[in-house]
Amino acid sequence: MLTVWVRCSIRRCRAHGVGAVLVLQLDRSDQRADGYDQLLERAAWFYEAVSFSAAMKSQTPGAGQAHLGTYTDADEQWLDGGQDYTLHVPADPPAKLFWSVTVYDSESRCLIDNPQQRGDRGSRDADLQYNPDGSVDVFFGPAEPAAGQSNWVQTLPDRHWFGYVRFYGPLEPYFDRTWKLGDVTRVR
């Protein structure tokens, strides 16, 4: 039997211009059930998370979009919602339009549903705080960091997460790899 989740509240969906977000719940992450594979659930996830548009594969600087994702930190450990992490975004991210860092729940593969009511930070955020050299430090963790809320995405204890950094209108330094994004690093 399929279970359909509505993963964001009406208020939250309307704020993002979405009527509702429907996700098929998998009973097990390996997508196997007693005597059968969860083919419909697997197909729905594949369509949502793996398919792409022509803009996502553009190699033309200044056009399309590029995505970098991670499930692990710099020590190759799974990203744990009960831990604190940072991501240092060097100055001049190679995006003509904007860039963003978005956090997703690993189990549901949906935007993290946290009490903070936001799942991303990026260049479109008016309150984003920049370092003197133009770089940005983004913080992830269950409690607000000493640096404050402006560059923080709240994670949930006992939940794993993954993140995507997106560049809208990626520029030449992205393609030729002269601009280098660091790893998500656990704060110890």
C-alpha atoms as a PDB file:
ATOM      1  CA  MET A   1       0.000   0.000   0.000  1.00  0.00           C
ATOM      2  CA  LEU A   2       1.320   3.454  -0.912  1.00  0.00           C
ATOM      3  CA  THR A   3       1.385   6.227   1.620  1.00  0.00           C
ATOM      4  CA  VAL A   4       1.324   9.787   0.365  1.00  0.00           C
ATOM      5  CA  TRP A   5       2.837  12.494   2.511  1.00  0.00           C
ATOM      6  CA  VAL A   6       2.080  16.160   2.211  1.00  0.00           C
ATOM      7  CA  ARG A   7       5.509  17.429   3.209  1.00  0.00           C
ATOM      8  CA  CYS A   8       4.851  21.072   3.802  1.00  0.00           C
ATOM      9  CA  SER A   9       2.114  22.986   5.481  1.00  0.00           C
ATOM     10  CA  ILE A  10      -0.341  24.973   3.388  1.00  0.00           C
ATOM     11  CA  ARG A  11       1.180  28.205   4.731  1.00  0.00           C
ATOM     12  CA  ARG A  12       4.689  27.109   3.847  1.00  0.00           C
ATOM     13  CA  CYS A  13       3.723  25.856   0.393  1.00  0.00           C
ATOM     14  CA  ARG A  14       1.840  29.021  -0.459  1.00  0.00           C
ATOM     15  CA  ALA A  15       4.846  31.075   0.658  1.00  0.00           C
ATOM     16  CA  HIS A  16       6.882  29.212  -1.962  1.00  0.00           C
ATOM     17  CA  GLY A  17       4.171  29.380  -4.638  1.00  0.00           C
ATOM     18  CA  VAL A  18       3.404  25.658  -4.414  1.00  0.00           C
ATOM     19  CA  GLY A  19      -0.063  24.213  -3.854  1.00  0.00           C
ATOM     20  CA  ALA A  20       1.209  21.015  -2.201  1.00  0.00           C
ATOM     21  CA  VAL A  21       4.209  18.765  -2.374  1.00  0.00           C
ATOM     22  CA  LEU A  22       3.432  15.056  -2.569  1.00  0.00           C
ATOM     23  CA  VAL A  23       6.053  12.454  -1.839  1.00  0.00           C
ATOM     24  CA  LEU A  24       5.729   8.691  -1.899  1.00  0.00           C
ATOM     25  CA  GLN A  25       7.002   7.169   1.320  1.00  0.00           C
ATOM     26  CA  LEU A  26       9.301   4.169   1.037  1.00  0.00           C
ATOM     27  CA  ASP A  27       8.984   1.509   3.696  1.00  0.00           C
ATOM     28  CA  ARG A  28      12.715   0.800   3.497  1.00  0.00           C
ATOM     29  CA  SER A  29      15.549   2.853   2.046  1.00  0.00           C
ATOM     30  CA  ASP A  30      16.733  -0.100  -0.081  1.00  0.00           C
ATOM     31  CA  GLN A  31      13.311   0.021  -1.785  1.00  0.00           C
ATOM     32  CA  ARG A  32      12.652  -3.687  -1.310  1.00  0.00           C
ATOM     33  CA  ALA A  33       9.565  -5.168   0.319  1.00  0.00           C
ATOM     34  CA  ASP A  34       8.548  -8.727   1.135  1.00  0.00           C
ATOM     35  CA  GLY A  35       8.396 -10.439  -2.214  1.00  0.00           C
ATOM     36  CA  TYR A  36       8.523  -7.315  -4.408  1.00  0.00           C
ATOM     37  CA  ASP A  37      10.374  -4.117  -5.247  1.00  0.00           C
ATOM     38  CA  GLN A  38       8.710  -0.776  -4.599  1.00  0.00           C
ATOM     39  CA  LEU A  39       8.802   0.033  -8.301  1.00  0.00           C
ATOM     40  CA  LEU A  40       6.245   2.858  -8.295  1.00  0.00           C
ATOM     41  CA  GLU A  41       7.930   4.517  -5.348  1.00  0.00           C
ATOM     42  CA  ARG A  42      11.339   4.108  -7.005  1.00  0.00           C
ATOM     43  CA  ALA A  43      10.056   5.547 -10.288  1.00  0.00           C
ATOM     44  CA  ALA A  44       8.548   8.567  -8.503  1.00  0.00           C
ATOM     45  CA  TRP A  45      11.814   9.260  -6.689  1.00  0.00           C
ATOM     46  CA  PHE A  46      13.821   8.846  -9.904  1.00  0.00           C
ATOM     47  CA  TYR A  47      11.601  11.312 -11.754  1.00  0.00           C
ATOM     48  CA  GLU A  48      11.799  13.891  -8.947  1.00  0.00           C
ATOM     49  CA  ALA A  49      15.439  13.589  -7.999  1.00  0.00           C
ATOM     50  CA  VAL A  50      17.357  12.196 -10.956  1.00  0.00           C
ATOM     51  CA  SER A  51      15.682  13.578 -14.051  1.00  0.00           C
ATOM     52  CA  PHE A  52      16.793  16.960 -15.294  1.00  0.00           C
ATOM     53  CA  SER A  53      16.025  19.696 -17.731  1.00  0.00           C
ATOM     54  CA  ALA A  54      18.202  20.952 -20.569  1.00  0.00           C
ATOM     55  CA  ALA A  55      19.195  23.905 -18.349  1.00  0.00           C
ATOM     56  CA  MET A  56      20.738  21.509 -15.829  1.00  0.00           C
ATOM     57  CA  LYS A  57      23.214  20.147 -18.358  1.00  0.00           C
ATOM     58  CA  SER A  58      24.110  23.399 -20.106  1.00  0.00           C
ATOM     59  CA  GLN A  59      27.839  23.961 -20.567  1.00  0.00           C
ATOM     60  CA  THR A  60      27.335  27.569 -21.646  1.00  0.00           C
ATOM     61  CA  PRO A  61      28.739  30.007 -19.067  1.00  0.00           C
ATOM     62  CA  GLY A  62      26.026  32.292 -17.723  1.00  0.00           C
ATOM     63  CA  ALA A  63      23.172  30.001 -18.810  1.00  0.00           C
ATOM     64  CA  GLY A  64      21.363  27.146 -17.114  1.00  0.00           C
ATOM     65  CA  GLN A  65      22.174  25.835 -13.676  1.00  0.00           C
ATOM     66  CA  ALA A  66      24.666  23.589 -11.911  1.00  0.00           C
ATOM     67  CA  HIS A  67      24.223  21.502  -8.772  1.00  0.00           C
ATOM     68  CA  LEU A  68      26.795  20.141  -6.334  1.00  0.00           C
ATOM     69  CA  GLY A  69      25.553  17.718  -3.682  1.00  0.00           C
ATOM     70  CA  THR A  70      26.871  16.004  -0.582  1.00  0.00           C
ATOM     71  CA  TYR A  71      25.673  13.416   1.927  1.00  0.00           C
ATOM     72  CA  THR A  72      28.926  13.371   3.897  1.00  0.00           C
ATOM     73  CA  ASP A  73      31.221  15.809   5.652  1.00  0.00           C
ATOM     74  CA  ALA A  74      34.944  16.451   5.065  1.00  0.00           C
ATOM     75  CA  ASP A  75      35.720  13.311   7.121  1.00  0.00           C
ATOM     76  CA  GLU A  76      33.390  11.224   4.912  1.00  0.00           C
ATOM     77  CA  GLN A  77      30.895  10.811   7.749  1.00  0.00           C
ATOM     78  CA  TRP A  78      27.132  10.994   7.071  1.00  0.00           C
ATOM     79  CA  LEU A  79      25.659  14.429   7.769  1.00  0.00           C
ATOM     80  CA  ASP A  80      23.929  14.137  11.146  1.00  0.00           C
ATOM     81  CA  GLY A  81      21.205  16.590  12.153  1.00  0.00           C
ATOM     82  CA  GLY A  82      22.349  16.477  15.778  1.00  0.00           C
ATOM     83  CA  GLN A  83      25.814  17.828  14.936  1.00  0.00           C
ATOM     84  CA  ASP A  84      27.054  21.293  13.972  1.00  0.00           C
ATOM     85  CA  TYR A  85      28.715  21.952  10.601  1.00  0.00           C
ATOM     86  CA  THR A  86      30.015  24.826   8.506  1.00  0.00           C
ATOM     87  CA  LEU A  87      30.450  25.354   4.787  1.00  0.00           C
ATOM     88  CA  HIS A  88      32.877  28.043   3.669  1.00  0.00           C
ATOM     89  CA  VAL A  89      31.742  29.566   0.368  1.00  0.00           C
ATOM     90  CA  PRO A  90      34.733  31.427  -1.118  1.00  0.00           C
ATOM     91  CA  ALA A  91      34.312  34.950  -2.485  1.00  0.00           C
ATOM     92  CA  ASP A  92      32.782  35.450  -5.909  1.00  0.00           C
ATOM     93  CA  PRO A  93      30.735  32.256  -6.321  1.00  0.00           C
ATOM     94  CA  PRO A  94      30.531  31.596 -10.072  1.00  0.00           C
ATOM     95  CA  ALA A  95      26.859  32.375 -10.613  1.00  0.00           C
ATOM     96  CA  LYS A  96      25.514  35.038 -12.957  1.00  0.00           C
ATOM     97  CA  LEU A  97      22.066  35.085 -11.324  1.00  0.00           C
ATOM     98  CA  PHE A  98      22.423  33.691  -7.793  1.00  0.00           C
ATOM     99  CA  TRP A  99      23.664  30.775  -5.696  1.00  0.00           C
ATOM    100  CA  SER A 100      22.081  28.883  -2.802  1.00  0.00           C
ATOM    101  CA  VAL A 101      22.771  26.081  -0.311  1.00  0.00           C
ATOM    102  CA  THR A 102      19.721  23.911   0.402  1.00  0.00           C
ATOM    103  CA  VAL A 103      19.241  21.220   3.083  1.00  0.00           C
ATOM    104  CA  TYR A 104      17.074  18.143   2.506  1.00  0.00           C
ATOM    105  CA  ASP A 105      15.938  15.388   4.867  1.00  0.00           C
ATOM    106  CA  SER A 106      17.652  12.123   3.853  1.00  0.00           C
ATOM    107  CA  GLU A 107      14.670   9.927   4.655  1.00  0.00           C
ATOM    108  CA  SER A 108      11.956  11.857   2.831  1.00  0.00           C
ATOM    109  CA  ARG A 109      14.261  13.586   0.300  1.00  0.00           C
ATOM    110  CA  CYS A 110      12.232  16.742   0.881  1.00  0.00           C
ATOM    111  CA  LEU A 111      13.285  20.193   1.960  1.00  0.00           C
ATOM    112  CA  ILE A 112      14.054  20.002   5.673  1.00  0.00           C
ATOM    113  CA  ASP A 113      10.949  20.703   7.759  1.00  0.00           C
ATOM    114  CA  ASN A 114      12.430  22.515  10.750  1.00  0.00           C
ATOM    115  CA  PRO A 115      11.051  24.919  13.384  1.00  0.00           C
ATOM    116  CA  GLN A 116      13.092  27.686  11.729  1.00  0.00           C
ATOM    117  CA  GLN A 117      10.814  27.317   8.657  1.00  0.00           C
ATOM    118  CA  ARG A 118      13.595  27.635   6.098  1.00  0.00           C
ATOM    119  CA  GLY A 119      15.873  25.181   4.381  1.00  0.00           C
ATOM    120  CA  ASP A 120      18.345  27.322   2.494  1.00  0.00           C
ATOM    121  CA  ARG A 121      20.682  30.295   2.506  1.00  0.00           C
ATOM    122  CA  GLY A 122      22.149  32.071  -0.473  1.00  0.00           C
ATOM    123  CA  SER A 123      23.010  35.226  -2.334  1.00  0.00           C
ATOM    124  CA  ARG A 124      19.353  36.322  -2.596  1.00  0.00           C
ATOM    125  CA  ASP A 125      19.031  36.541   1.205  1.00  0.00           C
ATOM    126  CA  ALA A 126      19.265  40.210   2.182  1.00  0.00           C
ATOM    127  CA  ASP A 127      20.397  39.323   5.715  1.00  0.00           C
ATOM    128  CA  LEU A 128      23.233  37.003   4.600  1.00  0.00           C
ATOM    129  CA  GLN A 129      26.441  38.059   6.345  1.00  0.00           C
ATOM    130  CA  TYR A 130      29.634  38.187   4.295  1.00  0.00           C
ATOM    131  CA  ASN A 131      33.192  37.945   5.625  1.00  0.00           C
ATOM    132  CA  PRO A 132      35.520  40.924   4.934  1.00  0.00           C
ATOM    133  CA  ASP A 133      37.052  39.050   1.962  1.00  0.00           C
ATOM    134  CA  GLY A 134      33.623  38.509   0.350  1.00  0.00           C
ATOM    135  CA  SER A 135      33.337  34.851   1.362  1.00  0.00           C
ATOM    136  CA  VAL A 136      30.382  33.434   3.306  1.00  0.00           C
ATOM    137  CA  ASP A 137      30.270  30.886   6.117  1.00  0.00           C
ATOM    138  CA  VAL A 138      27.041  28.878   6.204  1.00  0.00           C
ATOM    139  CA  PHE A 139      26.172  27.070   9.436  1.00  0.00           C
ATOM    140  CA  PHE A 140      24.124  23.877   9.860  1.00  0.00           C
ATOM    141  CA  GLY A 141      23.022  22.435  13.194  1.00  0.00           C
ATOM    142  CA  PRO A 142      20.153  21.903  15.623  1.00  0.00           C
ATOM    143  CA  ALA A 143      20.801  25.078  17.668  1.00  0.00           C
ATOM    144  CA  GLU A 144      21.471  28.629  16.578  1.00  0.00           C
ATOM    145  CA  PRO A 145      25.230  29.242  16.302  1.00  0.00           C
ATOM    146  CA  ALA A 146      27.040  32.055  18.120  1.00  0.00           C
ATOM    147  CA  ALA A 147      27.231  33.878  14.774  1.00  0.00           C
ATOM    148  CA  GLY A 148      23.422  34.222  14.780  1.00  0.00           C
ATOM    149  CA  GLN A 149      20.598  33.141  12.477  1.00  0.00           C
ATOM    150  CA  SER A 150      21.424  34.964   9.261  1.00  0.00           C
ATOM    151  CA  ASN A 151      23.733  32.275   7.787  1.00  0.00           C
ATOM    152  CA  TRP A 152      22.225  29.283   9.620  1.00  0.00           C
ATOM    153  CA  VAL A 153      20.000  26.426   8.461  1.00  0.00           C
ATOM    154  CA  GLN A 154      18.534  24.450  11.349  1.00  0.00           C
ATOM    155  CA  THR A 155      18.911  20.672  11.196  1.00  0.00           C
ATOM    156  CA  LEU A 156      17.024  18.093  13.242  1.00  0.00           C
ATOM    157  CA  PRO A 157      18.579  15.771  15.832  1.00  0.00           C
ATOM    158  CA  ASP A 158      18.152  12.072  15.021  1.00  0.00           C
ATOM    159  CA  ARG A 159      17.719  12.898  11.314  1.00  0.00           C
ATOM    160  CA  HIS A 160      20.324  12.701   8.603  1.00  0.00           C
ATOM    161  CA  TRP A 161      20.406  15.315   5.864  1.00  0.00           C
ATOM    162  CA  PHE A 162      22.050  16.113   2.553  1.00  0.00           C
ATOM    163  CA  GLY A 163      22.702  19.355   0.787  1.00  0.00           C
ATOM    164  CA  TYR A 164      22.870  20.886  -2.658  1.00  0.00           C
ATOM    165  CA  VAL A 165      24.755  23.994  -3.666  1.00  0.00           C
ATOM    166  CA  ARG A 166      23.163  25.471  -6.768  1.00  0.00           C
ATOM    167  CA  PHE A 167      24.562  27.995  -9.202  1.00  0.00           C
ATOM    168  CA  TYR A 168      22.021  29.693 -11.441  1.00  0.00           C
ATOM    169  CA  GLY A 169      23.813  30.901 -14.543  1.00  0.00           C
ATOM    170  CA  PRO A 170      27.103  29.132 -13.677  1.00  0.00           C
ATOM    171  CA  LEU A 171      30.145  31.041 -14.905  1.00  0.00           C
ATOM    172  CA  GLU A 172      33.486  29.943 -16.379  1.00  0.00           C
ATOM    173  CA  PRO A 173      35.241  29.476 -12.982  1.00  0.00           C
ATOM    174  CA  TYR A 174      32.672  26.745 -12.222  1.00  0.00           C
ATOM    175  CA  PHE A 175      33.321  24.930 -15.498  1.00  0.00           C
ATOM    176  CA  ASP A 176      37.112  25.225 -15.490  1.00  0.00           C
ATOM    177  CA  ARG A 177      37.198  24.492 -11.740  1.00  0.00           C
ATOM    178  CA  THR A 178      39.306  27.525 -10.841  1.00  0.00           C
ATOM    179  CA  TRP A 179      36.738  28.422  -8.155  1.00  0.00           C
ATOM    180  CA  LYS A 180      36.736  25.716  -5.489  1.00  0.00           C
ATOM    181  CA  LEU A 181      34.033  25.115  -2.920  1.00  0.00           C
ATOM    182  CA  GLY A 182      35.207  23.466   0.285  1.00  0.00           C
ATOM    183  CA  ASP A 183      33.596  20.538   2.080  1.00  0.00           C
ATOM    184  CA  VAL A 184      30.939  20.662   4.768  1.00  0.00           C
ATOM    185  CA  THR A 185      33.013  20.463   7.956  1.00  0.00           C
ATOM    186  CA  ARG A 186      31.894  19.238  11.359  1.00  0.00           C
ATOM    187  CA  VAL A 187      32.447  21.701  14.203  1.00  0.00           C
ATOM    188  CA  ARG A 188      34.300  20.001  17.060  1.00  0.00           C
END
